[in-house]
C-alpha atoms as a PDB file:
ATOM      1  CA  MET A   1      87.519 126.994 113.429  1.00  0.00           C
ATOM      2  CA  ALA A   2      89.184 129.113 116.105  1.00  0.00           C
ATOM      3  CA  LYS A   3      87.065 131.589 118.024  1.00  0.00           C
ATOM      4  CA  LYS A   4      87.929 135.216 117.475  1.00  0.00           C
ATOM      5  CA  LYS A   5      87.853 137.415 120.522  1.00  0.00           C
ATOM      6  CA  GLU A   6      85.403 140.279 120.187  1.00  0.00           C
ATOM      7  CA  LYS A   7      87.278 143.480 119.428  1.00  0.00           C
ATOM      8  CA  VAL A   8      86.849 146.220 121.960  1.00  0.00           C
ATOM      9  CA  GLN A   9      86.151 149.620 120.456  1.00  0.00           C
ATOM     10  CA  TYR A  10      88.561 151.760 122.466  1.00  0.00           C
ATOM     11  CA  ALA A  11      87.566 154.946 120.655  1.00  0.00           C
ATOM     12  CA  GLN A  12      84.064 154.806 122.173  1.00  0.00           C
ATOM     13  CA  LEU A  13      85.280 154.269 125.745  1.00  0.00           C
ATOM     14  CA  THR A  14      85.612 157.137 128.207  1.00  0.00           C
ATOM     15  CA  GLU A  15      88.918 158.069 129.787  1.00  0.00           C
ATOM     16  CA  LEU A  16      87.924 156.396 133.053  1.00  0.00           C
ATOM     17  CA  GLU A  17      86.971 153.154 131.284  1.00  0.00           C
ATOM     18  CA  LEU A  18      90.267 153.196 129.371  1.00  0.00           C
ATOM     19  CA  LYS A  19      92.174 153.604 132.637  1.00  0.00           C
ATOM     20  CA  LYS A  20      90.286 150.646 134.154  1.00  0.00           C
ATOM     21  CA  GLU A  21      91.094 148.508 131.112  1.00  0.00           C
ATOM     22  CA  LEU A  22      94.740 149.583 131.311  1.00  0.00           C
ATOM     23  CA  GLY A  23      94.917 148.647 134.979  1.00  0.00           C
ATOM     24  CA  SER A  24      93.441 145.220 134.417  1.00  0.00           C
ATOM     25  CA  ALA A  25      95.692 144.560 131.408  1.00  0.00           C
ATOM     26  CA  THR A  26      98.776 145.609 133.386  1.00  0.00           C
ATOM     27  CA  GLN A  27      97.762 143.383 136.261  1.00  0.00           C
ATOM     28  CA  ASN A  28      97.144 140.502 133.851  1.00  0.00           C
ATOM     29  CA  LEU A  29     100.609 140.976 132.324  1.00  0.00           C
ATOM     30  CA  TYR A  30     102.173 140.918 135.782  1.00  0.00           C
ATOM     31  CA  LYS A  31     100.402 137.657 136.637  1.00  0.00           C
ATOM     32  CA  ILE A  32     101.387 136.004 133.358  1.00  0.00           C
ATOM     33  CA  ARG A  33     105.024 137.054 133.706  1.00  0.00           C
ATOM     34  CA  PHE A  34     105.092 135.661 137.236  1.00  0.00           C
ATOM     35  CA  ARG A  35     103.540 132.415 136.045  1.00  0.00           C
ATOM     36  CA  ALA A  36     106.071 132.245 133.181  1.00  0.00           C
ATOM     37  CA  SER A  37     108.964 132.536 135.602  1.00  0.00           C
ATOM     38  CA  THR A  38     107.804 129.552 137.626  1.00  0.00           C
ATOM     39  CA  THR A  39     106.391 127.236 134.946  1.00  0.00           C
ATOM     40  CA  PRO A  40     106.423 127.266 131.149  1.00  0.00           C
ATOM     41  CA  LEU A  41     103.398 128.907 129.552  1.00  0.00           C
ATOM     42  CA  LYS A  42     101.113 126.987 127.220  1.00  0.00           C
ATOM     43  CA  ASN A  43     100.948 130.014 124.940  1.00  0.00           C
ATOM     44  CA  PRO A  44     103.930 132.387 125.302  1.00  0.00           C
ATOM     45  CA  MET A  45     102.410 134.702 122.669  1.00  0.00           C
ATOM     46  CA  GLU A  46      99.953 135.811 125.381  1.00  0.00           C
ATOM     47  CA  ILE A  47     102.612 138.154 126.759  1.00  0.00           C
ATOM     48  CA  ARG A  48     103.013 139.873 123.392  1.00  0.00           C
ATOM     49  CA  LYS A  49      99.244 140.239 122.964  1.00  0.00           C
ATOM     50  CA  ILE A  50      98.848 141.859 126.351  1.00  0.00           C
ATOM     51  CA  ARG A  51     101.822 144.188 125.824  1.00  0.00           C
ATOM     52  CA  ARG A  52     100.315 145.351 122.553  1.00  0.00           C
ATOM     53  CA  GLU A  53      96.914 145.817 124.158  1.00  0.00           C
ATOM     54  CA  ILE A  54      98.539 147.979 126.846  1.00  0.00           C
ATOM     55  CA  ALA A  55     100.258 150.059 124.165  1.00  0.00           C
ATOM     56  CA  ARG A  56      96.953 150.463 122.327  1.00  0.00           C
ATOM     57  CA  LEU A  57      95.206 151.580 125.515  1.00  0.00           C
ATOM     58  CA  LYS A  58      97.955 154.102 126.296  1.00  0.00           C
ATOM     59  CA  THR A  59      97.708 155.463 122.765  1.00  0.00           C
ATOM     60  CA  PHE A  60      93.968 156.032 123.072  1.00  0.00           C
ATOM     61  CA  LEU A  61      94.443 157.651 126.496  1.00  0.00           C
ATOM     62  CA  ASN A  62      97.013 160.041 125.007  1.00  0.00           C
ATOM     63  CA  ILE A  63      94.695 160.852 122.100  1.00  0.00           C
ATOM     64  CA  LYS A  64      91.857 161.632 124.517  1.00  0.00           C
ATOM     65  CA  ALA A  65      94.145 163.766 126.700  1.00  0.00           C
ATOM     66  CA  ALA A  66      95.427 165.670 123.667  1.00  0.00           C
ATOM     67  CA  SER A  67      91.925 166.341 122.378  1.00  0.00           C
ATOM     68  CA  ILE A  68      90.809 167.600 125.794  1.00  0.00           C
ATOM     69  CA  SER A  69      93.828 169.864 126.218  1.00  0.00           C
ATOM     70  CA  SER A  70      93.494 171.281 122.692  1.00  0.00           C
ATOM     71  CA  SER A  71      89.801 172.035 123.235  1.00  0.00           C
ATOM     72  CA  VAL A  72      90.579 173.769 126.551  1.00  0.00           C
ATOM     73  CA  GLU A  73      93.382 175.716 124.918  1.00  0.00           C
ATOM     74  CA  SER A  74      91.190 176.818 122.010  1.00  0.00           C
ATOM     75  CA  ASN A  75      88.456 177.922 124.433  1.00  0.00           C
ATOM     76  CA  PHE A  76      91.024 179.899 126.393  1.00  0.00           C
ATOM     77  CA  ASN A  77      92.405 181.573 123.265  1.00  0.00           C
ATOM     78  CA  ASN A  78      88.932 182.395 121.926  1.00  0.00           C
ATOM     79  CA  GLY A  79      87.892 184.124 125.150  1.00  0.00           C
ATOM     80  CA  ARG A  80      91.081 186.156 125.358  1.00  0.00           C
ATOM     81  CA  ALA A  81      91.102 189.844 124.446  1.00  0.00           C
ATOM     82  CA  LYS A  82      93.251 190.550 121.411  1.00  0.00           C
ATOM     83  CA  SER A  83      95.466 193.592 121.444  1.00  0.00           C
END
């Protein structure tokens, strides 16, 4: 039976940890693409997996950024004097 890679719970990671993961995934994609240009890959589906992981990481980063900005905006609006 094939081993399944342990799923990373991106929702529990902090923004800094997500950025680290994104950097390493981007670097990994670069290395694999370079390797693919010189020699054929054993598993060309690796590129697709990494691209999708990068997209997933960017999505979670955007969600975290949106939640932070909406909470700051709501705090700003709540503290504002209404006329």
